[in-house]
Amino acid sequence: DPATHFGAQSYISPTAQLPDGRSHLDHTADTVIAIIRAHQSTAVAQG
């Protein structure tokens, strides 16, 4: 969150930005990458 499906602030709008300036796509990609890195770090730590 926050994301909506309709209007100028929808996550599919090319002009919509989050308060930090990132697009919803950038935010989603950053979150997915963080999840993958955290999973890999845990797997390495556990051997």
All heavy atoms as atom14 arrays in JSON, in Angstrom:
{
  "sequence": "DPATHFGAQSYISPTAQLPDGRSHLDHTADTVIAIIRAHQSTAVAQG",
  "atom14_mask": [
    [1, 1, 1, 1, 1, 1, 1, 1, 0, 0, 0, 0, 0, 0],
    [1, 1, 1, 1, 1, 1, 1, 0, 0, 0, 0, 0, 0, 0],
    [1, 1, 1, 1, 1, 0, 0, 0, 0, 0, 0, 0, 0, 0],
    [1, 1, 1, 1, 1, 1, 1, 0, 0, 0, 0, 0, 0, 0],
    [1, 1, 1, 1, 1, 1, 1, 1, 1, 1, 0, 0, 0, 0],
    [1, 1, 1, 1, 1, 1, 1, 1, 1, 1, 1, 0, 0, 0],
    [1, 1, 1, 1, 0, 0, 0, 0, 0, 0, 0, 0, 0, 0],
    [1, 1, 1, 1, 1, 0, 0, 0, 0, 0, 0, 0, 0, 0],
    [1, 1, 1, 1, 1, 1, 1, 1, 1, 0, 0, 0, 0, 0],
    [1, 1, 1, 1, 1, 1, 0, 0, 0, 0, 0, 0, 0, 0],
    [1, 1, 1, 1, 1, 1, 1, 1, 1, 1, 1, 1, 0, 0],
    [1, 1, 1, 1, 1, 1, 1, 1, 0, 0, 0, 0, 0, 0],
    [1, 1, 1, 1, 1, 1, 0, 0, 0, 0, 0, 0, 0, 0],
    [1, 1, 1, 1, 1, 1, 1, 0, 0, 0, 0, 0, 0, 0],
    [1, 1, 1, 1, 1, 1, 1, 0, 0, 0, 0, 0, 0, 0],
    [1, 1, 1, 1, 1, 0, 0, 0, 0, 0, 0, 0, 0, 0],
    [1, 1, 1, 1, 1, 1, 1, 1, 1, 0, 0, 0, 0, 0],
    [1, 1, 1, 1, 1, 1, 1, 1, 0, 0, 0, 0, 0, 0],
    [1, 1, 1, 1, 1, 1, 1, 0, 0, 0, 0, 0, 0, 0],
    [1, 1, 1, 1, 1, 1, 1, 1, 0, 0, 0, 0, 0, 0],
    [1, 1, 1, 1, 0, 0, 0, 0, 0, 0, 0, 0, 0, 0],
    [1, 1, 1, 1, 1, 1, 1, 1, 1, 1, 1, 0, 0, 0],
    [1, 1, 1, 1, 1, 1, 0, 0, 0, 0, 0, 0, 0, 0],
    [1, 1, 1, 1, 1, 1, 1, 1, 1, 1, 0, 0, 0, 0],
    [1, 1, 1, 1, 1, 1, 1, 1, 0, 0, 0, 0, 0, 0],
    [1, 1, 1, 1, 1, 1, 1, 1, 0, 0, 0, 0, 0, 0],
    [1, 1, 1, 1, 1, 1, 1, 1, 1, 1, 0, 0, 0, 0],
    [1, 1, 1, 1, 1, 1, 1, 0, 0, 0, 0, 0, 0, 0],
    [1, 1, 1, 1, 1, 0, 0, 0, 0, 0, 0, 0, 0, 0],
    [1, 1, 1, 1, 1, 1, 1, 1, 0, 0, 0, 0, 0, 0],
    [1, 1, 1, 1, 1, 1, 1, 0, 0, 0, 0, 0, 0, 0],
    [1, 1, 1, 1, 1, 1, 1, 0, 0, 0, 0, 0, 0, 0],
    [1, 1, 1, 1, 1, 1, 1, 1, 0, 0, 0, 0, 0, 0],
    [1, 1, 1, 1, 1, 0, 0, 0, 0, 0, 0, 0, 0, 0],
    [1, 1, 1, 1, 1, 1, 1, 1, 0, 0, 0, 0, 0, 0],
    [1, 1, 1, 1, 1, 1, 1, 1, 0, 0, 0, 0, 0, 0],
    [1, 1, 1, 1, 1, 1, 1, 1, 1, 1, 1, 0, 0, 0],
    [1, 1, 1, 1, 1, 0, 0, 0, 0, 0, 0, 0, 0, 0],
    [1, 1, 1, 1, 1, 1, 1, 1, 1, 1, 0, 0, 0, 0],
    [1, 1, 1, 1, 1, 1, 1, 1, 1, 0, 0, 0, 0, 0],
    [1, 1, 1, 1, 1, 1, 0, 0, 0, 0, 0, 0, 0, 0],
    [1, 1, 1, 1, 1, 1, 1, 0, 0, 0, 0, 0, 0, 0],
    [1, 1, 1, 1, 1, 0, 0, 0, 0, 0, 0, 0, 0, 0],
    [1, 1, 1, 1, 1, 1, 1, 0, 0, 0, 0, 0, 0, 0],
    [1, 1, 1, 1, 1, 0, 0, 0, 0, 0, 0, 0, 0, 0],
    [1, 1, 1, 1, 1, 1, 1, 1, 1, 0, 0, 0, 0, 0],
    [1, 1, 1, 1, 0, 0, 0, 0, 0, 0, 0, 0, 0, 0]
  ],
  "atom14_positions": [
    [[0.84, -1.2, 0.0], [0.0, 0.0, 0.0], [0.87, 1.24, 0.0], [2.0, 1.2, 0.44], [-0.89, 0.01, 1.24], [-1.93, -1.1, 1.21], [-2.25, -1.56, 0.12], [-2.37, -1.5, 2.3], [0.0, 0.0, 0.0], [0.0, 0.0, 0.0], [0.0, 0.0, 0.0], [0.0, 0.0, 0.0], [0.0, 0.0, 0.0], [0.0, 0.0, 0.0]],
    [[0.39, 2.38, -0.38], [-0.94, 2.61, -0.94], [-0.93, 2.38, -2.45], [0.03, 2.7, -3.12], [-1.2, 4.07, -0.64], [0.15, 4.7, -0.7], [1.12, 3.62, -0.21], [0.0, 0.0, 0.0], [0.0, 0.0, 0.0], [0.0, 0.0, 0.0], [0.0, 0.0, 0.0], [0.0, 0.0, 0.0], [0.0, 0.0, 0.0], [0.0, 0.0, 0.0]],
    [[-1.98, 1.83, -2.96], [-2.14, 1.63, -4.4], [-3.62, 1.52, -4.71], [-4.39, 1.03, -3.9], [-1.41, 0.36, -4.85], [0.0, 0.0, 0.0], [0.0, 0.0, 0.0], [0.0, 0.0, 0.0], [0.0, 0.0, 0.0], [0.0, 0.0, 0.0], [0.0, 0.0, 0.0], [0.0, 0.0, 0.0], [0.0, 0.0, 0.0], [0.0, 0.0, 0.0]],
    [[-4.0, 2.02, -5.86], [-5.38, 1.93, -6.29], [-5.4, 1.47, -7.74], [-4.4, 1.57, -8.45], [-6.11, 3.29, -6.13], [-7.46, 3.14, -6.55], [-5.45, 4.38, -6.95], [0.0, 0.0, 0.0], [0.0, 0.0, 0.0], [0.0, 0.0, 0.0], [0.0, 0.0, 0.0], [0.0, 0.0, 0.0], [0.0, 0.0, 0.0], [0.0, 0.0, 0.0]],
    [[-6.52, 0.97, -8.18], [-6.63, 0.44, -9.54], [-7.12, 1.47, -10.55], [-7.06, 1.23, -11.75], [-7.6, -0.76, -9.57], [-7.11, -1.91, -8.79], [-6.18, -2.8, -9.25], [-7.41, -2.35, -7.54], [-5.94, -3.72, -8.34], [-6.67, -3.47, -7.29], [0.0, 0.0, 0.0], [0.0, 0.0, 0.0], [0.0, 0.0, 0.0], [0.0, 0.0, 0.0]],
    [[-7.62, 2.62, -10.09], [-8.25, 3.58, -11.0], [-7.71, 4.98, -10.78], [-7.35, 5.36, -9.67], [-9.77, 3.6, -10.79], [-10.41, 2.25, -10.96], [-10.79, 1.51, -9.86], [-10.59, 1.71, -12.22], [-11.36, 0.27, -10.0], [-11.16, 0.45, -12.38], [-11.54, -0.26, -11.26], [0.0, 0.0, 0.0], [0.0, 0.0, 0.0], [0.0, 0.0, 0.0]],
    [[-7.68, 5.77, -11.85], [-7.37, 7.19, -11.75], [-5.9, 7.52, -11.9], [-5.06, 6.65, -12.15], [0.0, 0.0, 0.0], [0.0, 0.0, 0.0], [0.0, 0.0, 0.0], [0.0, 0.0, 0.0], [0.0, 0.0, 0.0], [0.0, 0.0, 0.0], [0.0, 0.0, 0.0], [0.0, 0.0, 0.0], [0.0, 0.0, 0.0], [0.0, 0.0, 0.0]],
    [[-5.61, 8.81, -11.73], [-4.26, 9.32, -11.96], [-3.24, 8.75, -10.97], [-2.06, 8.69, -11.27], [-4.26, 10.84, -11.87], [0.0, 0.0, 0.0], [0.0, 0.0, 0.0], [0.0, 0.0, 0.0], [0.0, 0.0, 0.0], [0.0, 0.0, 0.0], [0.0, 0.0, 0.0], [0.0, 0.0, 0.0], [0.0, 0.0, 0.0], [0.0, 0.0, 0.0]],
    [[-3.67, 8.34, -9.79], [-2.75, 7.78, -8.81], [-2.76, 6.25, -8.77], [-2.23, 5.65, -7.85], [-3.07, 8.35, -7.42], [-2.76, 9.83, -7.3], [-1.29, 10.12, -7.57], [-0.4, 9.46, -7.04], [-1.03, 11.08, -8.43], [0.0, 0.0, 0.0], [0.0, 0.0, 0.0], [0.0, 0.0, 0.0], [0.0, 0.0, 0.0], [0.0, 0.0, 0.0]],
    [[-3.38, 5.64, -9.78], [-3.41, 4.17, -9.8], [-2.0, 3.64, -10.03], [-1.14, 4.31, -10.59], [-4.34, 3.67, -10.9], [-3.76, 3.84, -12.17], [0.0, 0.0, 0.0], [0.0, 0.0, 0.0], [0.0, 0.0, 0.0], [0.0, 0.0, 0.0], [0.0, 0.0, 0.0], [0.0, 0.0, 0.0], [0.0, 0.0, 0.0], [0.0, 0.0, 0.0]],
    [[-1.77, 2.43, -9.58], [-0.43, 1.86, -9.72], [-0.04, 1.6, -11.16], [1.14, 1.38, -11.45], [-0.28, 0.6, -8.86], [-1.13, -0.56, -9.31], [-0.67, -1.47, -10.23], [-2.41, -0.74, -8.78], [-1.45, -2.53, -10.64], [-3.19, -1.81, -9.18], [-2.71, -2.69, -10.1], [-3.5, -3.73, -10.5], [0.0, 0.0, 0.0], [0.0, 0.0, 0.0]],
    [[-1.0, 1.6, -12.07], [-0.66, 1.4, -13.48], [-0.51, 2.72, -14.24], [-0.15, 2.72, -15.4], [-1.69, 0.5, -14.19], [-3.08, 1.11, -14.13], [-1.66, -0.9, -13.63], [-4.12, 0.37, -14.96], [0.0, 0.0, 0.0], [0.0, 0.0, 0.0], [0.0, 0.0, 0.0], [0.0, 0.0, 0.0], [0.0, 0.0, 0.0], [0.0, 0.0, 0.0]],
    [[-0.74, 3.84, -13.57], [-0.57, 5.14, -14.21], [0.92, 5.44, -14.36], [1.68, 5.33, -13.4], [-1.22, 6.24, -13.37], [-0.88, 7.52, -13.89], [0.0, 0.0, 0.0], [0.0, 0.0, 0.0], [0.0, 0.0, 0.0], [0.0, 0.0, 0.0], [0.0, 0.0, 0.0], [0.0, 0.0, 0.0], [0.0, 0.0, 0.0], [0.0, 0.0, 0.0]],
    [[1.35, 5.85, -15.56], [2.77, 6.15, -15.75], [3.23, 7.39, -15.01], [4.43, 7.61, -14.84], [2.9, 6.32, -17.27], [1.53, 6.69, -17.73], [0.57, 6.02, -16.78], [0.0, 0.0, 0.0], [0.0, 0.0, 0.0], [0.0, 0.0, 0.0], [0.0, 0.0, 0.0], [0.0, 0.0, 0.0], [0.0, 0.0, 0.0], [0.0, 0.0, 0.0]],
    [[2.29, 8.23, -14.54], [2.67, 9.46, -13.84], [2.53, 9.36, -12.33], [2.94, 10.26, -11.61], [1.83, 10.65, -14.34], [0.45, 10.36, -14.11], [2.07, 10.9, -15.82], [0.0, 0.0, 0.0], [0.0, 0.0, 0.0], [0.0, 0.0, 0.0], [0.0, 0.0, 0.0], [0.0, 0.0, 0.0], [0.0, 0.0, 0.0], [0.0, 0.0, 0.0]],
    [[1.94, 8.29, -11.83], [1.73, 8.14, -10.39], [3.06, 7.93, -9.67], [3.9, 7.16, -10.12], [0.79, 6.98, -10.11], [0.0, 0.0, 0.0], [0.0, 0.0, 0.0], [0.0, 0.0, 0.0], [0.0, 0.0, 0.0], [0.0, 0.0, 0.0], [0.0, 0.0, 0.0], [0.0, 0.0, 0.0], [0.0, 0.0, 0.0], [0.0, 0.0, 0.0]],
    [[3.24, 8.66, -8.56], [4.45, 8.5, -7.77], [4.08, 8.39, -6.3], [3.12, 8.99, -5.84], [5.38, 9.69, -7.95], [6.03, 9.76, -9.3], [7.06, 10.87, -9.37], [6.99, 11.84, -8.63], [8.01, 10.72, -10.26], [0.0, 0.0, 0.0], [0.0, 0.0, 0.0], [0.0, 0.0, 0.0], [0.0, 0.0, 0.0], [0.0, 0.0, 0.0]],
    [[4.87, 7.62, -5.58], [4.73, 7.51, -4.14], [5.36, 8.75, -3.5], [6.09, 9.48, -4.17], [5.41, 6.23, -3.66], [4.79, 4.94, -4.19], [5.69, 3.76, -3.91], [3.42, 4.73, -3.58], [0.0, 0.0, 0.0], [0.0, 0.0, 0.0], [0.0, 0.0, 0.0], [0.0, 0.0, 0.0], [0.0, 0.0, 0.0], [0.0, 0.0, 0.0]],
    [[5.11, 9.0, -2.23], [5.68, 10.19, -1.58], [7.21, 10.29, -1.69], [7.75, 11.39, -1.7], [5.25, 10.03, -0.11], [3.99, 9.24, -0.19], [4.18, 8.29, -1.34], [0.0, 0.0, 0.0], [0.0, 0.0, 0.0], [0.0, 0.0, 0.0], [0.0, 0.0, 0.0], [0.0, 0.0, 0.0], [0.0, 0.0, 0.0], [0.0, 0.0, 0.0]],
    [[7.9, 9.15, -1.8], [9.36, 9.19, -1.92], [9.84, 9.36, -3.36], [11.03, 9.34, -3.64], [9.99, 7.96, -1.29], [9.64, 6.66, -2.01], [8.94, 6.7, -3.04], [10.07, 5.6, -1.53], [0.0, 0.0, 0.0], [0.0, 0.0, 0.0], [0.0, 0.0, 0.0], [0.0, 0.0, 0.0], [0.0, 0.0, 0.0], [0.0, 0.0, 0.0]],
    [[8.91, 9.53, -4.31], [9.26, 9.78, -5.7], [9.32, 8.55, -6.59], [9.43, 8.67, -7.8], [0.0, 0.0, 0.0], [0.0, 0.0, 0.0], [0.0, 0.0, 0.0], [0.0, 0.0, 0.0], [0.0, 0.0, 0.0], [0.0, 0.0, 0.0], [0.0, 0.0, 0.0], [0.0, 0.0, 0.0], [0.0, 0.0, 0.0], [0.0, 0.0, 0.0]],
    [[9.26, 7.36, -5.98], [9.3, 6.14, -6.78], [7.92, 5.84, -7.36], [6.91, 6.23, -6.8], [9.73, 4.95, -5.93], [11.15, 5.01, -5.45], [11.52, 3.8, -4.63], [10.67, 3.74, -3.43], [10.46, 2.64, -2.72], [11.04, 1.51, -3.04], [9.68, 2.67, -1.65], [0.0, 0.0, 0.0], [0.0, 0.0, 0.0], [0.0, 0.0, 0.0]],
    [[7.92, 5.12, -8.49], [6.66, 4.65, -9.05], [6.22, 3.41, -8.27], [7.01, 2.81, -7.53], [6.83, 4.28, -10.53], [7.61, 3.11, -10.65], [0.0, 0.0, 0.0], [0.0, 0.0, 0.0], [0.0, 0.0, 0.0], [0.0, 0.0, 0.0], [0.0, 0.0, 0.0], [0.0, 0.0, 0.0], [0.0, 0.0, 0.0], [0.0, 0.0, 0.0]],
    [[4.97, 3.02, -8.44], [4.48, 1.81, -7.79], [5.26, 0.59, -8.3], [5.54, -0.33, -7.53], [2.98, 1.63, -8.01], [2.17, 2.68, -7.33], [1.94, 2.67, -5.97], [1.55, 3.78, -7.8], [1.21, 3.71, -5.63], [0.96, 4.41, -6.73], [0.0, 0.0, 0.0], [0.0, 0.0, 0.0], [0.0, 0.0, 0.0], [0.0, 0.0, 0.0]],
    [[5.61, 0.59, -9.59], [6.4, -0.51, -10.15], [7.76, -0.58, -9.48], [8.23, -1.67, -9.11], [6.54, -0.36, -11.66], [7.39, -1.41, -12.36], [6.83, -2.81, -12.13], [7.49, -1.11, -13.84], [0.0, 0.0, 0.0], [0.0, 0.0, 0.0], [0.0, 0.0, 0.0], [0.0, 0.0, 0.0], [0.0, 0.0, 0.0], [0.0, 0.0, 0.0]],
    [[8.42, 0.57, -9.31], [9.72, 0.59, -8.63], [9.6, 0.07, -7.2], [10.44, -0.7, -6.73], [10.3, 2.01, -8.61], [10.75, 2.49, -9.97], [11.03, 1.66, -10.85], [10.81, 3.73, -10.14], [0.0, 0.0, 0.0], [0.0, 0.0, 0.0], [0.0, 0.0, 0.0], [0.0, 0.0, 0.0], [0.0, 0.0, 0.0], [0.0, 0.0, 0.0]],
    [[8.56, 0.49, -6.5], [8.35, 0.04, -5.12], [8.15, -1.46, -5.06], [8.74, -2.15, -4.21], [7.15, 0.78, -4.52], [6.87, 0.41, -3.11], [5.69, -0.16, -2.71], [7.62, 0.51, -1.99], [5.72, -0.38, -1.4], [6.89, 0.02, -0.94], [0.0, 0.0, 0.0], [0.0, 0.0, 0.0], [0.0, 0.0, 0.0], [0.0, 0.0, 0.0]],
    [[7.35, -1.99, -5.97], [7.11, -3.44, -6.01], [8.4, -4.19, -6.31], [8.72, -5.17, -5.64], [6.03, -3.78, -7.06], [4.83, -3.08, -6.72], [5.76, -5.27, -7.12], [0.0, 0.0, 0.0], [0.0, 0.0, 0.0], [0.0, 0.0, 0.0], [0.0, 0.0, 0.0], [0.0, 0.0, 0.0], [0.0, 0.0, 0.0], [0.0, 0.0, 0.0]],
    [[9.15, -3.72, -7.3], [10.42, -4.37, -7.65], [11.39, -4.32, -6.48], [12.04, -5.33, -6.17], [11.03, -3.71, -8.87], [0.0, 0.0, 0.0], [0.0, 0.0, 0.0], [0.0, 0.0, 0.0], [0.0, 0.0, 0.0], [0.0, 0.0, 0.0], [0.0, 0.0, 0.0], [0.0, 0.0, 0.0], [0.0, 0.0, 0.0], [0.0, 0.0, 0.0]],
    [[11.5, -3.19, -5.8], [12.38, -3.07, -4.64], [11.98, -4.04, -3.54], [12.84, -4.66, -2.9], [12.38, -1.64, -4.09], [13.04, -0.63, -5.02], [13.75, -1.05, -5.96], [12.82, 0.58, -4.81], [0.0, 0.0, 0.0], [0.0, 0.0, 0.0], [0.0, 0.0, 0.0], [0.0, 0.0, 0.0], [0.0, 0.0, 0.0], [0.0, 0.0, 0.0]],
    [[10.68, -4.18, -3.3], [10.19, -5.09, -2.26], [10.5, -6.54, -2.61], [10.97, -7.31, -1.77], [8.68, -4.89, -2.05], [8.44, -3.53, -1.67], [8.14, -5.82, -0.97], [0.0, 0.0, 0.0], [0.0, 0.0, 0.0], [0.0, 0.0, 0.0], [0.0, 0.0, 0.0], [0.0, 0.0, 0.0], [0.0, 0.0, 0.0], [0.0, 0.0, 0.0]],
    [[10.26, -6.93, -3.85], [10.53, -8.3, -4.29], [12.03, -8.61, -4.18], [12.43, -9.68, -3.68], [10.01, -8.55, -5.72], [10.5, -9.88, -6.27], [8.49, -8.48, -5.74], [0.0, 0.0, 0.0], [0.0, 0.0, 0.0], [0.0, 0.0, 0.0], [0.0, 0.0, 0.0], [0.0, 0.0, 0.0], [0.0, 0.0, 0.0], [0.0, 0.0, 0.0]],
    [[12.87, -7.68, -4.6], [14.32, -7.88, -4.51], [14.75, -8.03, -3.06], [15.56, -8.89, -2.73], [15.07, -6.73, -5.21], [14.85, -6.83, -6.73], [16.55, -6.74, -4.87], [15.28, -5.6, -7.5], [0.0, 0.0, 0.0], [0.0, 0.0, 0.0], [0.0, 0.0, 0.0], [0.0, 0.0, 0.0], [0.0, 0.0, 0.0], [0.0, 0.0, 0.0]],
    [[14.2, -7.2, -2.17], [14.54, -7.29, -0.74], [14.13, -8.65, -0.16], [14.86, -9.24, 0.64], [13.87, -6.15, 0.03], [0.0, 0.0, 0.0], [0.0, 0.0, 0.0], [0.0, 0.0, 0.0], [0.0, 0.0, 0.0], [0.0, 0.0, 0.0], [0.0, 0.0, 0.0], [0.0, 0.0, 0.0], [0.0, 0.0, 0.0], [0.0, 0.0, 0.0]],
    [[12.96, -9.15, -0.55], [12.5, -10.45, -0.07], [13.43, -11.56, -0.55], [13.82, -12.44, 0.23], [11.05, -10.71, -0.54], [10.09, -9.76, 0.17], [10.65, -12.17, -0.31], [8.7, -9.72, -0.43], [0.0, 0.0, 0.0], [0.0, 0.0, 0.0], [0.0, 0.0, 0.0], [0.0, 0.0, 0.0], [0.0, 0.0, 0.0], [0.0, 0.0, 0.0]],
    [[13.83, -11.51, -1.81], [14.73, -12.54, -2.36], [16.08, -12.48, -1.67], [16.64, -13.51, -1.27], [14.87, -12.37, -3.89], [13.56, -12.71, -4.57], [16.03, -13.23, -4.43], [13.49, -12.32, -6.03], [0.0, 0.0, 0.0], [0.0, 0.0, 0.0], [0.0, 0.0, 0.0], [0.0, 0.0, 0.0], [0.0, 0.0, 0.0], [0.0, 0.0, 0.0]],
    [[16.61, -11.28, -1.48], [17.92, -11.15, -0.81], [17.85, -11.65, 0.63], [18.77, -12.31, 1.11], [18.39, -9.71, -0.85], [18.87, -9.31, -2.23], [19.36, -7.89, -2.26], [19.88, -7.58, -3.59], [20.0, -6.37, -4.08], [19.62, -5.32, -3.36], [20.47, -6.19, -5.29], [0.0, 0.0, 0.0], [0.0, 0.0, 0.0], [0.0, 0.0, 0.0]],
    [[16.77, -11.33, 1.33], [16.62, -11.79, 2.71], [16.55, -13.31, 2.75], [17.14, -13.95, 3.63], [15.38, -11.17, 3.34], [0.0, 0.0, 0.0], [0.0, 0.0, 0.0], [0.0, 0.0, 0.0], [0.0, 0.0, 0.0], [0.0, 0.0, 0.0], [0.0, 0.0, 0.0], [0.0, 0.0, 0.0], [0.0, 0.0, 0.0], [0.0, 0.0, 0.0]],
    [[15.83, -13.9, 1.81], [15.72, -15.37, 1.74], [17.09, -15.99, 1.47], [17.47, -16.98, 2.09], [14.72, -15.78, 0.67], [14.64, -17.26, 0.48], [14.04, -18.1, 1.4], [15.09, -18.06, -0.51], [14.13, -19.34, 0.98], [14.77, -19.34, -0.18], [0.0, 0.0, 0.0], [0.0, 0.0, 0.0], [0.0, 0.0, 0.0], [0.0, 0.0, 0.0]],
    [[17.83, -15.41, 0.54], [19.15, -15.95, 0.21], [20.1, -15.82, 1.39], [20.87, -16.72, 1.68], [19.73, -15.24, -1.01], [19.07, -15.64, -2.3], [19.64, -14.94, -3.51], [20.2, -13.85, -3.39], [19.49, -15.55, -4.67], [0.0, 0.0, 0.0], [0.0, 0.0, 0.0], [0.0, 0.0, 0.0], [0.0, 0.0, 0.0], [0.0, 0.0, 0.0]],
    [[20.05, -14.69, 2.09], [20.91, -14.48, 3.25], [20.61, -15.51, 4.34], [21.52, -16.05, 4.96], [20.72, -13.08, 3.82], [21.15, -12.12, 2.89], [0.0, 0.0, 0.0], [0.0, 0.0, 0.0], [0.0, 0.0, 0.0], [0.0, 0.0, 0.0], [0.0, 0.0, 0.0], [0.0, 0.0, 0.0], [0.0, 0.0, 0.0], [0.0, 0.0, 0.0]],
    [[19.32, -15.78, 4.55], [18.92, -16.77, 5.55], [19.39, -18.16, 5.15], [19.91, -18.91, 5.97], [17.39, -16.76, 5.73], [16.98, -15.45, 6.11], [16.95, -17.75, 6.77], [0.0, 0.0, 0.0], [0.0, 0.0, 0.0], [0.0, 0.0, 0.0], [0.0, 0.0, 0.0], [0.0, 0.0, 0.0], [0.0, 0.0, 0.0], [0.0, 0.0, 0.0]],
    [[19.24, -18.48, 3.87], [19.66, -19.8, 3.38], [21.16, -19.98, 3.53], [21.64, -21.04, 3.96], [19.25, -19.98, 1.92], [0.0, 0.0, 0.0], [0.0, 0.0, 0.0], [0.0, 0.0, 0.0], [0.0, 0.0, 0.0], [0.0, 0.0, 0.0], [0.0, 0.0, 0.0], [0.0, 0.0, 0.0], [0.0, 0.0, 0.0], [0.0, 0.0, 0.0]],
    [[21.94, -18.95, 3.22], [23.41, -19.03, 3.34], [23.8, -19.17, 4.8], [24.65, -19.97, 5.15], [24.06, -17.79, 2.69], [25.54, -17.71, 3.05], [23.88, -17.83, 1.19], [0.0, 0.0, 0.0], [0.0, 0.0, 0.0], [0.0, 0.0, 0.0], [0.0, 0.0, 0.0], [0.0, 0.0, 0.0], [0.0, 0.0, 0.0], [0.0, 0.0, 0.0]],
    [[23.16, -18.4, 5.68], [23.48, -18.46, 7.11], [23.18, -19.84, 7.7], [23.86, -20.3, 8.61], [22.7, -17.39, 7.86], [0.0, 0.0, 0.0], [0.0, 0.0, 0.0], [0.0, 0.0, 0.0], [0.0, 0.0, 0.0], [0.0, 0.0, 0.0], [0.0, 0.0, 0.0], [0.0, 0.0, 0.0], [0.0, 0.0, 0.0], [0.0, 0.0, 0.0]],
    [[22.18, -20.49, 7.15], [21.8, -21.82, 7.64], [22.55, -22.94, 6.94], [22.41, -24.11, 7.26], [20.29, -22.03, 7.48], [19.47, -21.12, 8.34], [17.97, -21.29, 8.1], [17.54, -21.97, 7.17], [17.17, -20.65, 8.92], [0.0, 0.0, 0.0], [0.0, 0.0, 0.0], [0.0, 0.0, 0.0], [0.0, 0.0, 0.0], [0.0, 0.0, 0.0]],
    [[23.35, -22.58, 5.93], [24.1, -23.58, 5.2], [23.31, -24.32, 4.15], [23.74, -25.33, 3.63], [0.0, 0.0, 0.0], [0.0, 0.0, 0.0], [0.0, 0.0, 0.0], [0.0, 0.0, 0.0], [0.0, 0.0, 0.0], [0.0, 0.0, 0.0], [0.0, 0.0, 0.0], [0.0, 0.0, 0.0], [0.0, 0.0, 0.0], [0.0, 0.0, 0.0]]
  ]
}
